[in-house]
Amino acid sequence: MSKDSKEVVVRHISSTELNDLIYKLEKIAKKVNRLHFIRQLYEGKTIKQARLNLGVPEKTAYNWLYKWNESGVNGLNHKKGAGRPSFLTGTQFKEVEEFIKNNDSLGTKDVHYFIEKNYGIDYSLKQVRQIIKKLKFSWIKPYPIFSKSPKNAKEIMKETAQDINSDEDIYGFYDESAMQNLANISKVLKKKEKK
């Protein structure tokens, strides 16, 4: 077997479960790294020696030492929610969520406009996409059903397809027969369903 060929991997857990496990273990690995730093200080190494051994910036090393001296082992835990607080309040997030739920065919620009108009906050489109993701919405492509199609359209299509000679006949669908550089279906937001 060549080195470039792909081996089959057995999926013991789903991709989501695998990502969650990696995230959880990475947090543990970060704490272990901090504990290695403290152990080196216990062994008599200087802060400079310990931080260079672990490849840690000076400010981070002093920060770890301060947290260790203040709170011990618990001081080295990863603090969730660090960073700038959101401009939107919890109530405003719920209002944005209701706006998305109650309106069809929304895109990122529509949500951006709603937030700017109602709350005076001018987020970038990238940040609006992150808000949409945080609210557990995703983009889908709606495929409309033609209102004038007969109820037994699938059966008619199967019967018609039997008469087609794939070697001699050319066939296509009317709505896709013109040249297009973009899909004629836009993406809209829909709440993610739990699996």
Protein backbone atom coordinates (compact mmCIF):
# COMPACT_ATOMS: atom_id res chain seq x y z
CA MET A 1 0.00 0.00 0.00
CA SER A 2 1.43 3.41 -0.93
CA LYS A 3 2.18 6.07 1.67
CA ASP A 4 -0.26 8.51 0.02
CA SER A 5 -3.31 6.25 0.28
CA LYS A 6 -5.93 7.07 2.90
CA GLU A 7 -6.54 4.58 5.67
CA VAL A 8 -10.11 4.00 6.79
CA VAL A 9 -10.77 5.44 10.22
CA VAL A 10 -13.36 3.84 12.50
CA ARG A 11 -15.69 6.52 13.87
CA HIS A 12 -16.16 5.48 17.49
CA ILE A 13 -17.68 8.87 18.33
CA SER A 14 -19.26 11.66 16.25
CA SER A 15 -17.23 14.62 14.97
CA THR A 16 -18.99 16.89 17.46
CA GLU A 17 -18.13 14.60 20.37
CA LEU A 18 -14.52 14.41 19.15
CA ASN A 19 -14.27 18.23 18.99
CA ASP A 20 -15.79 18.55 22.48
CA LEU A 21 -13.31 16.01 23.87
CA ILE A 22 -10.35 17.81 22.27
CA TYR A 23 -11.53 21.14 23.70
CA LYS A 24 -11.92 19.65 27.18
CA LEU A 25 -8.49 17.99 27.12
CA GLU A 26 -6.79 21.11 25.73
CA LYS A 27 -7.99 23.01 28.80
CA ILE A 28 -6.51 20.28 31.02
CA ALA A 29 -3.23 20.39 29.04
CA LYS A 30 -3.00 24.15 29.56
CA LYS A 31 -3.36 23.67 33.32
CA VAL A 32 -0.69 20.93 33.29
CA ASN A 33 1.67 23.33 31.51
CA ARG A 34 1.06 25.93 34.23
CA LEU A 35 1.74 23.31 36.90
CA HIS A 36 5.04 22.39 35.17
CA PHE A 37 6.01 26.06 35.47
CA ILE A 38 5.24 26.07 39.22
CA ARG A 39 7.13 22.79 39.70
CA GLN A 40 10.22 24.29 38.10
CA LEU A 41 9.99 27.19 40.56
CA TYR A 42 9.71 24.62 43.40
CA GLU A 43 12.92 23.01 42.06
CA GLY A 44 14.74 26.34 42.44
CA LYS A 45 14.73 27.61 38.88
CA THR A 46 14.27 31.31 38.28
CA ILE A 47 11.13 32.66 36.60
CA LYS A 48 13.22 33.40 33.51
CA GLN A 49 14.60 29.83 33.34
CA ALA A 50 11.16 28.25 33.90
CA ARG A 51 9.41 30.41 31.35
CA LEU A 52 12.12 29.87 28.71
CA ASN A 53 11.95 26.09 29.27
CA LEU A 54 8.20 26.17 28.55
CA GLY A 55 8.31 28.89 25.88
CA VAL A 56 6.06 31.22 27.87
CA PRO A 57 6.12 35.04 27.60
CA GLU A 58 7.43 36.92 30.66
CA LYS A 59 4.11 38.62 31.43
CA THR A 60 2.27 35.27 31.32
CA ALA A 61 4.82 33.68 33.66
CA TYR A 62 4.43 36.44 36.25
CA ASN A 63 0.65 36.25 35.85
CA TRP A 64 0.72 32.48 36.60
CA LEU A 65 2.96 33.04 39.63
CA TYR A 66 0.63 35.75 40.96
CA LYS A 67 -2.44 33.51 40.50
CA TRP A 68 -0.64 30.58 42.16
CA ASN A 69 0.39 32.69 45.14
CA GLU A 70 -3.14 34.10 45.55
CA SER A 71 -5.28 30.96 45.04
CA GLY A 72 -3.04 27.92 44.69
CA VAL A 73 -4.07 25.19 42.22
CA ASN A 74 -7.50 26.76 41.57
CA GLY A 75 -5.84 30.00 40.53
CA LEU A 76 -4.40 28.25 37.48
CA ASN A 77 -7.82 27.22 36.14
CA HIS A 78 -8.91 28.59 32.78
CA LYS A 79 -11.24 31.54 33.30
CA LYS A 80 -14.21 31.37 30.94
CA GLY A 81 -15.61 34.56 29.55
CA ALA A 82 -12.44 36.60 29.43
CA GLY A 83 -12.43 39.49 27.01
CA ARG A 84 -14.69 42.43 26.31
CA PRO A 85 -18.32 42.05 27.38
CA SER A 86 -20.96 42.11 24.67
CA PHE A 87 -22.65 45.38 23.76
CA LEU A 88 -25.99 43.53 23.63
CA THR A 89 -27.68 42.65 26.90
CA GLY A 90 -29.25 39.24 27.55
CA THR A 91 -32.71 40.70 26.86
CA GLN A 92 -31.51 42.19 23.57
CA PHE A 93 -30.04 38.82 22.54
CA LYS A 94 -33.46 37.25 23.14
CA GLU A 95 -35.12 39.99 21.06
CA VAL A 96 -32.68 39.34 18.20
CA GLU A 97 -33.41 35.61 18.49
CA GLU A 98 -37.18 36.25 18.33
CA PHE A 99 -36.69 38.56 15.32
CA ILE A 100 -34.84 35.80 13.46
CA LYS A 101 -37.41 33.14 14.46
CA ASN A 102 -40.39 35.24 13.40
CA ASN A 103 -39.07 36.30 9.98
CA ASP A 104 -38.45 34.17 6.93
CA SER A 105 -35.63 34.58 4.44
CA LEU A 106 -33.30 36.62 6.62
CA GLY A 107 -29.62 37.04 5.94
CA THR A 108 -26.71 38.49 7.89
CA LYS A 109 -27.33 42.01 6.57
CA ASP A 110 -30.96 41.88 7.74
CA VAL A 111 -29.90 40.95 11.29
CA HIS A 112 -27.18 43.63 11.17
CA TYR A 113 -29.76 46.25 10.17
CA PHE A 114 -32.15 45.11 12.94
CA ILE A 115 -29.43 45.43 15.61
CA GLU A 116 -28.25 48.81 14.33
CA LYS A 117 -31.78 50.23 14.01
CA ASN A 118 -33.08 49.00 17.38
CA TYR A 119 -30.00 49.23 19.60
CA GLY A 120 -27.70 51.69 17.83
CA ILE A 121 -24.86 49.15 17.73
CA ASP A 122 -22.93 48.94 14.46
CA TYR A 123 -21.36 45.48 14.51
CA SER A 124 -19.29 44.23 11.61
CA LEU A 125 -20.92 41.53 9.48
CA LYS A 126 -18.38 39.05 10.85
CA GLN A 127 -19.49 39.84 14.41
CA VAL A 128 -23.16 39.53 13.39
CA ARG A 129 -22.40 36.05 12.00
CA GLN A 130 -20.82 35.15 15.36
CA ILE A 131 -23.94 36.40 17.18
CA ILE A 132 -26.12 34.32 14.86
CA LYS A 133 -23.95 31.26 15.58
CA LYS A 134 -24.09 31.95 19.34
CA LEU A 135 -27.91 32.00 19.09
CA LYS A 136 -27.65 28.50 17.49
CA PHE A 137 -28.91 29.50 14.05
CA SER A 138 -27.38 28.23 10.83
CA TRP A 139 -27.78 28.98 7.14
CA ILE A 140 -29.90 26.70 4.98
CA LYS A 141 -30.91 26.68 1.36
CA PRO A 142 -34.69 26.60 1.07
CA TYR A 143 -36.01 24.67 -1.89
CA PRO A 144 -39.49 25.98 -2.70
CA ILE A 145 -42.16 23.60 -3.90
CA PHE A 146 -43.93 24.81 -7.02
CA SER A 147 -47.54 25.51 -6.05
CA LYS A 148 -48.97 24.40 -9.42
CA SER A 149 -47.20 21.05 -9.54
CA PRO A 150 -49.43 17.98 -9.51
CA LYS A 151 -49.66 15.94 -6.31
CA ASN A 152 -48.14 12.90 -8.04
CA ALA A 153 -45.19 14.79 -9.59
CA LYS A 154 -42.63 12.18 -8.47
CA GLU A 155 -44.53 9.34 -10.14
CA ILE A 156 -44.89 11.35 -13.36
CA MET A 157 -41.14 12.07 -13.30
CA LYS A 158 -40.32 8.36 -12.86
CA GLU A 159 -42.59 7.41 -15.78
CA THR A 160 -41.07 10.11 -17.99
CA ALA A 161 -37.53 9.13 -17.03
CA GLN A 162 -38.14 5.58 -18.26
CA ASP A 163 -38.72 6.91 -21.79
CA ILE A 164 -35.37 8.77 -21.88
CA ASN A 165 -32.54 7.25 -23.88
CA SER A 166 -29.39 8.45 -22.12
CA ASP A 167 -27.25 7.86 -25.23
CA GLU A 168 -29.34 10.03 -27.58
CA ASP A 169 -31.50 12.41 -25.53
CA ILE A 170 -30.52 15.63 -23.80
CA TYR A 171 -32.50 16.53 -20.74
CA GLY A 172 -32.42 19.23 -18.07
CA PHE A 173 -34.59 21.23 -15.76
CA TYR A 174 -36.20 24.42 -16.93
CA ASP A 175 -35.22 26.60 -13.96
CA GLU A 176 -31.52 25.74 -14.43
CA SER A 177 -31.37 25.92 -18.22
CA ALA A 178 -29.96 29.47 -18.41
CA MET A 179 -26.29 30.22 -17.77
CA GLN A 180 -25.78 31.39 -14.18
CA ASN A 181 -22.71 32.41 -12.26
CA LEU A 182 -24.50 32.22 -8.90
CA ALA A 183 -27.01 29.80 -7.44
CA ASN A 184 -30.60 31.01 -7.77
CA ILE A 185 -31.29 30.01 -4.16
CA SER A 186 -30.22 32.28 -1.33
CA LYS A 187 -29.33 31.05 2.13
CA VAL A 188 -31.59 31.88 5.05
CA LEU A 189 -31.36 31.41 8.81
CA LYS A 190 -32.92 28.51 10.65
CA LYS A 191 -32.57 27.30 14.26
CA LYS A 192 -30.23 24.32 14.57
CA GLU A 193 -32.05 21.18 15.63
CA LYS A 194 -30.52 18.98 18.30
CA LYS A 195 -29.58 15.54 17.05
